[in-house]
């Protein structure tokens, strides 16, 4: 039996009529790593935000070391030795690591040299690799995360909360982080991790607590559970966690990307000589650390991003002709007879109109085809109702404005609309981001179904396990370049991780 570091009793929090947390009881012991699991919208982040002082509970009690405390602000949380490392870092780019770490502390005057020495000691104690004098803008994503962790340790945190800490890390960086967290646990720290990656939960944590629809389901010892049991606790029913990848279906060259170069408005080169081929009847994965050029690449193919040079050759199966899509607008691409569907990363900014209802958003796909001033709503309404039913979209009706849906349900509407257009090329950027496990596997099955129909599917993902299970080939990008193209059936997470941090000349090409 461990010694409780923090205990929550009957914690409740509502936002209007929505109950985010209801009577939550949770204990985290000293020297323990607890993973907090739950579907999107289950209340994980809300609960942790109450511990870290961002929200204040409507009801319930919080105990630290057996004593009841009141936490009304992040400063209160720090006074009780609680620190939260958020998924989106809160750092000032032009400041050094040391300056960011001491920023906001009460002391009127700092000795930066002494602070840097203290940071070095913390780094040596737990195995961090960080230069206290480096500017944030010079750092990799994992180094920025290290600064955030050291920042809370510098302030004396004994209870650390990490929100999706591995979302932007390579497998190698993830393993380094895990070693550090284990050392912190062995030093008596209590660590809570919010995550959705079950294999990482089983590899790292001592216990797993599960929330479902804002309620506490239970806590289990990690050594005594498995992925299937944890999934059932989260979802409330048994679901299959297998991606049934079929063999490529008569693959033919559908889209050939040749030597793409692109410079953004800030003058930074975001695509550097990018080349690959997407075949019909295959799923081509694209892997890379966030900001490696994935967004610009898909937008260039979709006609939304100007290029400096290169070609995007589409082989039209209907006419047996080829067209160069470079610098064509989306309308011009459609007029060429190219059936291209795009599920963008920015759902409401680029994919859907938030103030319009689901039916009207379905019409966005086909309104230019009409010959009358008055648009026909019957077919879009049928399509909207079909998408709602088949993808289990949680909505009062098809006439509900999209902005009122949760992020996961918005994504389902967007994916359903694009697949319904019967594309020959389907591009999806992070299509399961914000979806629960059950819905994620539904999307994987839909993409496999498109592949089996002969569609060339391009899938940008962040979970390497999914990329390896779902795709036939994987293009790995690093700093805007293709660092390698690998066979998904033969590669490993470690190989992809290395390619994600390499320049183009270092990659293997299995095309």
Protein backbone atom coordinates (compact mmCIF):
# COMPACT_ATOMS: atom_id res chain seq x y z
CA UNK A 1 0.00 0.00 0.00
CA UNK A 2 1.55 3.29 -1.09
CA UNK A 3 1.49 6.68 0.62
CA UNK A 4 -0.95 9.05 -1.12
CA UNK A 5 0.63 12.17 -2.59
CA UNK A 6 -2.64 13.54 -3.92
CA UNK A 7 -6.20 12.41 -3.38
CA UNK A 8 -9.37 13.64 -5.09
CA UNK A 9 -12.74 13.10 -3.41
CA UNK A 10 -16.04 13.58 -5.25
CA UNK A 11 -14.67 16.20 -7.64
CA UNK A 12 -17.38 17.65 -9.89
CA UNK A 13 -17.11 20.28 -12.61
CA UNK A 14 -19.76 21.53 -15.06
CA UNK A 15 -19.68 24.00 -17.94
CA UNK A 16 -23.26 25.18 -18.33
CA UNK A 17 -25.40 22.09 -18.82
CA UNK A 18 -22.38 19.89 -19.67
CA UNK A 19 -21.01 17.86 -16.76
CA UNK A 20 -17.29 17.41 -17.49
CA UNK A 21 -16.45 15.57 -14.26
CA UNK A 22 -18.91 13.90 -11.90
CA UNK A 23 -17.96 12.71 -8.40
CA UNK A 24 -14.41 11.73 -9.33
CA UNK A 25 -12.40 9.85 -6.70
CA UNK A 26 -8.74 9.29 -7.49
CA UNK A 27 -5.53 8.58 -5.55
CA UNK A 28 -1.94 8.95 -6.79
CA UNK A 29 0.79 7.63 -4.50
CA UNK A 30 4.27 8.94 -3.92
CA UNK A 31 6.88 7.37 -6.22
CA UNK A 32 4.23 6.26 -8.73
CA UNK A 33 3.47 6.82 -12.41
CA UNK A 34 -0.26 6.87 -13.10
CA UNK A 35 -1.63 6.95 -16.66
CA UNK A 36 -5.00 8.65 -17.07
CA UNK A 37 -6.98 7.13 -19.92
CA UNK A 38 -10.30 7.98 -21.52
CA UNK A 39 -11.91 8.80 -24.81
CA UNK A 40 -11.93 12.37 -26.06
CA UNK A 41 -14.44 14.29 -23.98
CA UNK A 42 -14.15 11.93 -21.01
CA UNK A 43 -12.93 14.74 -18.75
CA UNK A 44 -9.22 13.91 -18.38
CA UNK A 45 -7.81 17.35 -19.13
CA UNK A 46 -10.57 19.12 -17.18
CA UNK A 47 -9.73 17.03 -14.11
CA UNK A 48 -6.00 17.76 -14.39
CA UNK A 49 -6.71 21.46 -14.98
CA UNK A 50 -8.43 21.54 -11.59
CA UNK A 51 -5.39 20.00 -9.90
CA UNK A 52 -3.10 22.50 -11.63
CA UNK A 53 -5.25 25.54 -10.77
CA UNK A 54 -6.61 26.44 -14.20
CA UNK A 55 -10.19 25.49 -13.22
CA UNK A 56 -11.83 25.41 -9.80
CA UNK A 57 -14.13 22.47 -8.95
CA UNK A 58 -17.83 23.05 -8.34
CA UNK A 59 -17.77 20.41 -5.61
CA UNK A 60 -15.38 17.99 -3.95
CA UNK A 61 -12.10 18.03 -2.07
CA UNK A 62 -8.39 17.83 -2.93
CA UNK A 63 -5.87 16.45 -0.43
CA UNK A 64 -2.08 16.82 -0.66
CA UNK A 65 -0.05 14.62 1.72
CA UNK A 66 -3.24 13.92 3.63
CA UNK A 67 -4.19 17.59 4.16
CA UNK A 68 -7.11 19.27 2.40
CA UNK A 69 -6.01 22.15 0.16
CA UNK A 70 -7.70 24.81 -1.95
CA UNK A 71 -6.22 25.36 -5.43
CA UNK A 72 -7.60 28.43 -7.20
CA UNK A 73 -4.68 29.30 -9.49
CA UNK A 74 -1.50 27.84 -11.01
CA UNK A 75 0.44 29.74 -8.33
CA UNK A 76 -1.54 27.88 -5.65
CA UNK A 77 -0.70 24.61 -7.41
CA UNK A 78 3.02 25.44 -7.41
CA UNK A 79 2.86 26.27 -3.69
CA UNK A 80 1.56 22.73 -3.18
CA UNK A 81 4.40 21.41 -5.38
CA UNK A 82 2.17 20.57 -8.38
CA UNK A 83 3.37 21.31 -11.91
CA UNK A 84 1.66 20.63 -15.25
CA UNK A 85 3.43 20.27 -18.59
CA UNK A 86 0.87 21.11 -21.26
CA UNK A 87 0.72 19.61 -24.75
CA UNK A 88 1.25 23.08 -26.24
CA UNK A 89 4.37 24.57 -24.73
CA UNK A 90 4.27 27.96 -23.00
CA UNK A 91 7.75 29.26 -23.84
CA UNK A 92 9.16 32.55 -25.16
CA UNK A 93 11.14 31.73 -28.30
CA UNK A 94 13.68 34.55 -28.08
CA UNK A 95 14.56 33.75 -24.45
CA UNK A 96 17.13 31.16 -23.38
CA UNK A 97 16.20 27.98 -21.52
CA UNK A 98 17.29 29.54 -18.22
CA UNK A 99 15.32 32.74 -18.84
CA UNK A 100 12.17 30.73 -19.58
CA UNK A 101 12.62 28.57 -16.50
CA UNK A 102 12.91 31.53 -14.07
CA UNK A 103 10.31 33.65 -15.87
CA UNK A 104 7.40 34.51 -13.57
CA UNK A 105 9.10 33.67 -10.28
CA UNK A 106 8.64 36.13 -7.41
CA UNK A 107 12.29 37.05 -6.93
CA UNK A 108 12.99 40.66 -7.95
CA UNK A 109 16.52 39.98 -9.14
CA UNK A 110 17.96 36.81 -10.62
CA UNK A 111 21.50 35.62 -10.97
CA UNK A 112 21.23 33.90 -14.36
CA UNK A 113 24.58 32.16 -13.87
CA UNK A 114 23.48 30.61 -10.56
CA UNK A 115 20.13 29.62 -12.08
CA UNK A 116 21.92 27.95 -15.01
CA UNK A 117 24.10 25.98 -12.56
CA UNK A 118 21.00 24.82 -10.69
CA UNK A 119 19.41 23.75 -13.99
CA UNK A 120 22.53 21.74 -14.83
CA UNK A 121 22.28 19.94 -11.47
CA UNK A 122 18.63 19.03 -12.11
CA UNK A 123 19.58 17.81 -15.59
CA UNK A 124 22.37 15.62 -14.24
CA UNK A 125 20.16 14.24 -11.48
CA UNK A 126 17.46 12.98 -13.86
CA UNK A 127 19.38 12.46 -17.11
CA UNK A 128 18.18 15.47 -19.13
CA UNK A 129 20.28 16.76 -22.00
CA UNK A 130 19.88 20.54 -22.22
CA UNK A 131 22.07 23.60 -22.68
CA UNK A 132 20.69 26.31 -20.31
CA UNK A 133 22.06 29.09 -22.52
CA UNK A 134 20.39 28.01 -25.80
CA UNK A 135 17.51 30.04 -27.18
CA UNK A 136 14.15 28.28 -27.47
CA UNK A 137 13.92 28.95 -31.23
CA UNK A 138 17.14 26.95 -31.68
CA UNK A 139 15.71 23.86 -29.98
CA UNK A 140 13.98 20.71 -31.23
CA UNK A 141 10.50 19.82 -29.97
CA UNK A 142 11.88 17.33 -27.45
CA UNK A 143 14.33 19.93 -26.10
CA UNK A 144 11.48 22.41 -25.64
CA UNK A 145 9.57 19.76 -23.72
CA UNK A 146 12.64 19.20 -21.55
CA UNK A 147 12.69 22.91 -20.70
CA UNK A 148 9.02 22.71 -19.64
CA UNK A 149 9.71 19.72 -17.38
CA UNK A 150 12.79 21.32 -15.80
CA UNK A 151 10.75 24.51 -15.28
CA UNK A 152 8.34 22.74 -12.92
CA UNK A 153 11.16 20.81 -11.21
CA UNK A 154 13.06 24.07 -10.69
CA UNK A 155 9.99 25.38 -8.88
CA UNK A 156 10.08 22.34 -6.57
CA UNK A 157 7.28 20.20 -8.04
CA UNK A 158 6.82 16.76 -6.47
CA UNK A 159 3.60 16.02 -8.42
CA UNK A 160 3.98 16.34 -12.20
CA UNK A 161 1.17 16.17 -14.77
CA UNK A 162 2.06 15.62 -18.44
CA UNK A 163 -0.59 16.06 -21.16
CA UNK A 164 0.10 13.83 -24.21
CA UNK A 165 3.89 14.11 -23.70
CA UNK A 166 4.86 11.80 -26.59
CA UNK A 167 2.52 13.22 -29.26
CA UNK A 168 5.34 15.00 -31.11
CA UNK A 169 8.30 12.78 -30.19
CA UNK A 170 10.15 10.14 -32.19
CA UNK A 171 10.38 6.61 -30.67
CA UNK A 172 13.96 7.34 -29.63
CA UNK A 173 12.96 10.60 -27.92
CA UNK A 174 10.02 8.83 -26.26
CA UNK A 175 12.30 6.18 -24.76
CA UNK A 176 14.64 8.91 -23.43
CA UNK A 177 11.66 10.65 -21.82
CA UNK A 178 10.51 7.39 -20.24
CA UNK A 179 13.95 6.82 -18.69
CA UNK A 180 13.83 10.32 -17.18
CA UNK A 181 10.31 9.79 -15.82
CA UNK A 182 11.31 6.47 -14.25
CA UNK A 183 14.25 8.19 -12.50
CA UNK A 184 11.89 10.87 -11.23
CA UNK A 185 9.51 8.20 -9.93
CA UNK A 186 12.38 6.39 -8.20
CA UNK A 187 13.28 9.74 -6.59
CA UNK A 188 9.81 9.83 -5.01
CA UNK A 189 8.02 12.04 -7.53
CA UNK A 190 4.37 11.36 -8.38
CA UNK A 191 3.66 11.52 -12.10
CA UNK A 192 0.32 11.62 -13.92
CA UNK A 193 0.31 11.16 -17.69
CA UNK A 194 -2.67 11.91 -19.94
CA UNK A 195 -2.29 9.79 -23.07
CA UNK A 196 -4.16 7.71 -25.64
CA UNK A 197 -1.29 5.40 -26.66
CA UNK A 198 -2.04 2.12 -24.93
CA UNK A 199 1.30 0.49 -25.70
CA UNK A 200 3.07 3.38 -23.98
CA UNK A 201 0.74 3.16 -21.00
CA UNK A 202 1.65 -0.50 -20.53
CA UNK A 203 5.38 0.20 -21.00
CA UNK A 204 5.65 3.10 -18.54
CA UNK A 205 3.00 3.35 -15.86
CA UNK A 206 2.54 1.57 -12.55
CA UNK A 207 -1.23 2.07 -12.50
CA UNK A 208 -3.92 3.15 -14.97
CA UNK A 209 -7.03 5.17 -14.08
CA UNK A 210 -9.89 5.30 -16.57
CA UNK A 211 -12.58 7.95 -17.10
CA UNK A 212 -15.67 7.54 -19.26
CA UNK A 213 -18.09 10.36 -20.06
CA UNK A 214 -16.86 12.38 -17.10
CA UNK A 215 -17.12 9.57 -14.57
CA UNK A 216 -14.43 7.53 -12.84
CA UNK A 217 -14.52 3.88 -13.97
CA UNK A 218 -11.63 2.46 -11.95
CA UNK A 219 -7.89 2.07 -11.42
CA UNK A 220 -5.95 -1.08 -12.31
CA UNK A 221 -2.36 -2.21 -11.85
CA UNK A 222 -0.60 -1.99 -15.21
CA UNK A 223 1.08 -5.37 -14.74
CA UNK A 224 -2.35 -7.01 -14.36
CA UNK A 225 -4.11 -5.56 -17.44
CA UNK A 226 -3.85 -5.40 -21.23
CA UNK A 227 -4.94 -3.24 -24.18
CA UNK A 228 -8.27 -5.04 -24.66
CA UNK A 229 -9.31 -4.64 -21.01
CA UNK A 230 -8.32 -0.96 -20.93
CA UNK A 231 -10.20 -0.29 -24.17
CA UNK A 232 -13.33 -1.96 -22.81
CA UNK A 233 -13.09 0.18 -19.66
CA UNK A 234 -12.82 3.33 -21.77
CA UNK A 235 -15.51 2.54 -24.33
CA UNK A 236 -17.88 0.42 -22.25
CA UNK A 237 -17.83 -2.51 -24.66
CA UNK A 238 -15.40 -4.85 -26.36
CA UNK A 239 -13.98 -3.64 -29.67
CA UNK A 240 -11.41 -5.06 -32.05
CA UNK A 241 -8.02 -3.34 -32.02
CA UNK A 242 -6.86 -4.94 -35.25
CA UNK A 243 -6.37 -3.03 -38.49
CA UNK A 244 -7.14 -5.51 -41.27
CA UNK A 245 -4.66 -4.38 -43.91
CA UNK A 246 -5.37 -5.99 -47.26
CA UNK A 247 -2.81 -6.45 -50.02
CA UNK A 248 -2.53 -3.69 -52.64
CA UNK A 249 -5.29 -3.90 -55.25
CA UNK A 250 -3.84 -3.85 -58.79
CA UNK A 251 -1.58 -0.87 -58.00
CA UNK A 252 -1.20 1.62 -60.82
CA UNK A 253 0.67 4.93 -60.71
CA UNK A 254 -2.05 7.49 -59.94
CA UNK A 255 -0.18 10.54 -58.61
CA UNK A 256 3.47 11.30 -59.22
CA UNK A 257 5.06 14.08 -57.17
CA UNK A 258 8.36 15.26 -58.67
CA UNK A 259 10.94 17.59 -57.14
CA UNK A 260 8.53 19.88 -55.29
CA UNK A 261 10.04 23.02 -53.79
CA UNK A 262 8.08 25.56 -51.79
CA UNK A 263 8.92 28.70 -49.80
CA UNK A 264 6.40 30.12 -47.33
CA UNK A 265 5.49 33.78 -46.80
CA UNK A 266 8.23 34.15 -44.16
CA UNK A 267 10.85 33.09 -46.70
CA UNK A 268 11.44 29.67 -45.14
CA UNK A 269 11.82 26.69 -47.45
CA UNK A 270 9.09 24.28 -46.34
CA UNK A 271 9.39 21.72 -49.18
CA UNK A 272 12.80 20.74 -50.50
CA UNK A 273 12.95 18.58 -53.64
CA UNK A 274 10.09 16.28 -52.52
CA UNK A 275 9.38 13.29 -54.79
CA UNK A 276 7.24 10.14 -54.41
CA UNK A 277 4.51 8.17 -56.16
CA UNK A 278 1.02 7.33 -54.84
CA UNK A 279 -0.47 4.22 -56.44
CA UNK A 280 -4.11 3.26 -56.82
CA UNK A 281 -5.18 0.45 -54.51
CA UNK A 282 -2.58 1.39 -51.90
CA UNK A 283 -2.37 3.48 -48.74
CA UNK A 284 0.71 5.69 -48.74
CA UNK A 285 1.59 6.95 -45.27
CA UNK A 286 3.44 10.18 -44.55
CA UNK A 287 5.38 10.34 -41.27
CA UNK A 288 7.41 13.13 -39.75
CA UNK A 289 7.78 15.38 -36.76
CA UNK A 290 5.13 18.12 -36.74
CA UNK A 291 6.04 20.94 -39.12
CA UNK A 292 8.17 18.84 -41.45
CA UNK A 293 6.25 19.97 -44.55
CA UNK A 294 3.28 17.59 -44.42
CA UNK A 295 0.70 20.41 -44.42
CA UNK A 296 2.26 22.30 -47.32
CA UNK A 297 2.67 19.10 -49.33
CA UNK A 298 -0.99 18.11 -49.18
CA UNK A 299 -2.15 21.67 -49.78
CA UNK A 300 0.09 21.90 -52.87
CA UNK A 301 -1.47 18.73 -54.31
CA UNK A 302 -4.97 20.04 -53.50
CA UNK A 303 -4.30 23.34 -55.30
CA UNK A 304 -4.12 25.43 -52.13
CA UNK A 305 -0.37 26.13 -51.99
CA UNK A 306 1.84 27.80 -54.62
CA UNK A 307 5.09 26.03 -55.47
CA UNK A 308 8.49 27.37 -56.47
CA UNK A 309 9.13 24.43 -58.79
CA UNK A 310 8.28 20.78 -59.44
CA UNK A 311 5.46 18.74 -60.95
CA UNK A 312 2.35 16.96 -59.67
CA UNK A 313 1.37 14.50 -62.40
CA UNK A 314 -2.09 12.92 -62.23
CA UNK A 315 -2.77 9.82 -64.33
CA UNK A 316 -6.48 9.94 -65.14
CA UNK A 317 -8.00 6.42 -65.25
CA UNK A 318 -11.11 7.69 -67.08
CA UNK A 319 -9.29 9.28 -70.03
CA UNK A 320 -5.89 7.49 -69.90
CA UNK A 321 -4.34 10.96 -70.02
CA UNK A 322 -1.95 12.78 -67.71
CA UNK A 323 -2.26 16.27 -66.27
CA UNK A 324 0.16 18.45 -64.33
CA UNK A 325 -1.76 19.80 -61.33
CA UNK A 326 0.97 22.20 -60.22
CA UNK A 327 -0.45 25.64 -59.36
CA UNK A 328 -3.95 24.66 -60.53
CA UNK A 329 -6.79 25.94 -58.33
CA UNK A 330 -9.18 23.40 -56.74
CA UNK A 331 -11.79 24.42 -59.34
CA UNK A 332 -9.38 23.91 -62.23
CA UNK A 333 -8.41 20.51 -60.81
CA UNK A 334 -12.08 19.48 -60.75
CA UNK A 335 -12.61 20.76 -64.30
CA UNK A 336 -9.80 18.45 -65.47
CA UNK A 337 -11.89 15.52 -64.24
CA UNK A 338 -9.60 14.83 -61.29
CA UNK A 339 -11.58 13.25 -58.46
CA UNK A 340 -9.48 14.45 -55.53
CA UNK A 341 -10.76 14.48 -51.95
CA UNK A 342 -8.89 16.23 -49.16
CA UNK A 343 -9.43 15.93 -45.40
CA UNK A 344 -7.29 18.85 -44.13
CA UNK A 345 -5.66 19.21 -40.73
CA UNK A 346 -7.63 22.42 -40.09
CA UNK A 347 -11.19 21.07 -39.94
CA UNK A 348 -13.20 24.25 -39.45
CA UNK A 349 -10.75 26.72 -40.91
CA UNK A 350 -10.39 24.88 -44.22
CA UNK A 351 -12.63 21.80 -44.36
CA UNK A 352 -16.05 22.90 -43.08
CA UNK A 353 -17.99 26.11 -42.32
CA UNK A 354 -18.80 26.19 -38.61
CA UNK A 355 -21.94 28.35 -38.82
CA UNK A 356 -23.50 26.15 -41.52
CA UNK A 357 -25.39 22.97 -40.67
CA UNK A 358 -24.32 19.47 -41.69
CA UNK A 359 -26.56 19.44 -44.79
CA UNK A 360 -25.15 22.71 -46.10
CA UNK A 361 -21.60 21.50 -45.48
CA UNK A 362 -22.36 18.45 -47.60
CA UNK A 363 -23.52 20.83 -50.37
CA UNK A 364 -20.12 22.57 -50.41
CA UNK A 365 -18.81 19.54 -52.29
CA UNK A 366 -21.30 19.81 -55.14
CA UNK A 367 -22.81 23.29 -55.32
CA UNK A 368 -20.84 24.30 -58.44
CA UNK A 369 -22.36 21.37 -60.32
CA UNK A 370 -25.86 22.88 -60.19
CA UNK A 371 -27.28 24.77 -63.14
CA UNK A 372 -29.97 26.58 -61.17
CA UNK A 373 -29.83 29.53 -58.83
CA UNK A 374 -31.74 27.41 -56.32
CA UNK A 375 -29.74 24.52 -54.88
CA UNK A 376 -31.24 21.06 -54.50
CA UNK A 377 -31.08 20.06 -50.80
CA UNK A 378 -32.62 16.58 -51.06
CA UNK A 379 -29.47 14.65 -51.99
CA UNK A 380 -27.18 16.51 -49.54
CA UNK A 381 -29.73 15.89 -46.78
CA UNK A 382 -29.80 12.16 -47.56
CA UNK A 383 -26.01 12.13 -47.62
CA UNK A 384 -25.83 13.99 -44.30
CA UNK A 385 -28.21 11.52 -42.67
CA UNK A 386 -26.21 8.60 -44.10
CA UNK A 387 -22.93 9.98 -42.73
CA UNK A 388 -24.55 10.62 -39.33
CA UNK A 389 -25.84 7.05 -39.15
CA UNK A 390 -22.82 5.17 -40.53
CA UNK A 391 -20.15 7.17 -38.69
CA UNK A 392 -22.20 7.48 -35.49
CA UNK A 393 -22.04 11.29 -35.44
CA UNK A 394 -23.40 12.56 -32.12
CA UNK A 395 -25.73 15.40 -33.15
CA UNK A 396 -29.37 16.40 -32.46
CA UNK A 397 -30.06 16.48 -36.21
CA UNK A 398 -28.60 17.09 -39.67
CA UNK A 399 -29.63 20.74 -39.34
CA UNK A 400 -27.33 21.33 -36.36
CA UNK A 401 -24.55 23.91 -37.03
CA UNK A 402 -21.20 22.14 -37.29
CA UNK A 403 -19.59 24.49 -34.74
CA UNK A 404 -21.85 22.99 -32.06
CA UNK A 405 -20.39 19.51 -32.57
CA UNK A 406 -17.41 18.14 -30.67
CA UNK A 407 -14.06 18.03 -32.50
CA UNK A 408 -14.36 14.30 -33.08
CA UNK A 409 -17.84 14.59 -34.60
CA UNK A 410 -16.71 17.47 -36.83
CA UNK A 411 -13.97 15.17 -38.12
CA UNK A 412 -16.46 12.40 -38.85
CA UNK A 413 -18.62 14.78 -40.92
CA UNK A 414 -15.59 15.93 -42.91
CA UNK A 415 -14.25 12.42 -43.58
CA UNK A 416 -17.70 11.14 -44.50
CA UNK A 417 -18.28 13.99 -46.97
CA UNK A 418 -14.93 13.52 -48.72
CA UNK A 419 -15.30 9.75 -49.05
CA UNK A 420 -18.83 10.16 -50.41
CA UNK A 421 -17.40 12.09 -53.39
CA UNK A 422 -16.07 8.78 -54.84
CA UNK A 423 -12.48 10.03 -55.24
CA UNK A 424 -9.65 8.43 -57.18
CA UNK A 425 -7.18 10.14 -54.82
CA UNK A 426 -8.05 10.61 -51.14
CA UNK A 427 -5.73 12.64 -48.92
CA UNK A 428 -6.30 12.64 -45.16
CA UNK A 429 -4.23 14.70 -42.71
CA UNK A 430 -4.52 13.35 -39.14
CA UNK A 431 -8.08 12.07 -39.76
CA UNK A 432 -8.42 10.40 -36.34
CA UNK A 433 -7.09 13.31 -34.28
CA UNK A 434 -9.70 14.00 -31.61
CA UNK A 435 -11.53 10.71 -32.15
CA UNK A 436 -12.06 7.98 -29.57
CA UNK A 437 -10.65 4.50 -30.15
CA UNK A 438 -13.86 3.06 -31.54
CA UNK A 439 -14.27 5.91 -34.06
CA UNK A 440 -10.57 5.79 -35.00
CA UNK A 441 -10.81 2.15 -36.05
CA UNK A 442 -13.98 2.98 -37.99
CA UNK A 443 -11.97 5.56 -39.97
CA UNK A 444 -9.12 3.08 -40.55
CA UNK A 445 -11.66 0.61 -41.95
CA UNK A 446 -13.13 3.32 -44.21
CA UNK A 447 -9.67 4.13 -45.60
CA UNK A 448 -9.04 0.43 -46.19
CA UNK A 449 -12.38 0.25 -47.97
CA UNK A 450 -11.31 3.09 -50.29
CA UNK A 451 -8.04 1.29 -50.99
CA UNK A 452 -9.96 -1.87 -51.93
CA UNK A 453 -12.00 0.21 -54.39
CA UNK A 454 -8.79 1.20 -56.16
CA UNK A 455 -8.41 4.66 -54.63
CA UNK A 456 -4.92 6.04 -54.05
CA UNK A 457 -5.01 6.96 -50.35
CA UNK A 458 -2.46 9.36 -48.82
CA UNK A 459 -2.57 9.21 -45.02
CA UNK A 460 -0.68 11.69 -42.81
CA UNK A 461 -0.47 10.32 -39.28
CA UNK A 462 1.38 10.84 -36.02
CA UNK A 463 1.04 7.38 -34.44
CA UNK A 464 3.82 5.24 -35.92
CA UNK A 465 2.16 2.00 -34.82
CA UNK A 466 -0.93 2.90 -36.85
CA UNK A 467 1.13 3.99 -39.88
CA UNK A 468 2.97 0.65 -39.88
CA UNK A 469 -0.24 -1.39 -39.45
CA UNK A 470 -2.39 0.55 -41.93
CA UNK A 471 -0.12 1.64 -44.78
CA UNK A 472 1.61 -0.17 -47.64
CA UNK A 473 4.47 2.32 -47.98
CA UNK A 474 5.55 5.22 -45.78
CA UNK A 475 7.20 8.44 -46.94
CA UNK A 476 9.26 9.86 -44.06
CA UNK A 477 9.77 13.64 -44.04
CA UNK A 478 12.37 15.65 -42.15
CA UNK A 479 12.69 19.44 -42.33
CA UNK A 480 10.74 19.62 -45.61
CA UNK A 481 12.69 16.83 -47.33
CA UNK A 482 11.98 13.15 -47.98
CA UNK A 483 14.49 11.32 -45.81
CA UNK A 484 13.30 7.87 -46.85
CA UNK A 485 10.49 5.77 -48.35
CA UNK A 486 10.01 2.42 -46.60
CA UNK A 487 7.89 -0.72 -46.95
CA UNK A 488 5.45 -0.61 -44.02
CA UNK A 489 5.45 -4.41 -43.76
CA UNK A 490 9.22 -4.53 -43.28
CA UNK A 491 10.08 -1.39 -41.34
CA UNK A 492 10.17 -0.64 -37.60
CA UNK A 493 9.25 2.34 -35.45
CA UNK A 494 12.92 2.78 -34.65
CA UNK A 495 13.91 3.00 -38.32
CA UNK A 496 11.17 5.55 -39.02
CA UNK A 497 12.17 7.51 -35.93
CA UNK A 498 15.76 7.77 -37.16
CA UNK A 499 14.58 8.90 -40.60
CA UNK A 500 12.35 11.55 -39.01
CA UNK A 501 15.46 13.32 -37.72
CA UNK A 502 17.70 12.76 -40.77
CA UNK A 503 18.30 14.82 -43.87
CA UNK A 504 17.20 13.50 -47.27
CA UNK A 505 20.50 11.97 -48.28
CA UNK A 506 20.51 9.63 -45.30
CA UNK A 507 17.24 7.81 -46.02
CA UNK A 508 16.52 4.41 -47.44
CA UNK A 509 14.25 4.24 -50.48
CA UNK A 510 12.14 1.13 -51.00
CA UNK A 511 10.00 2.56 -53.78
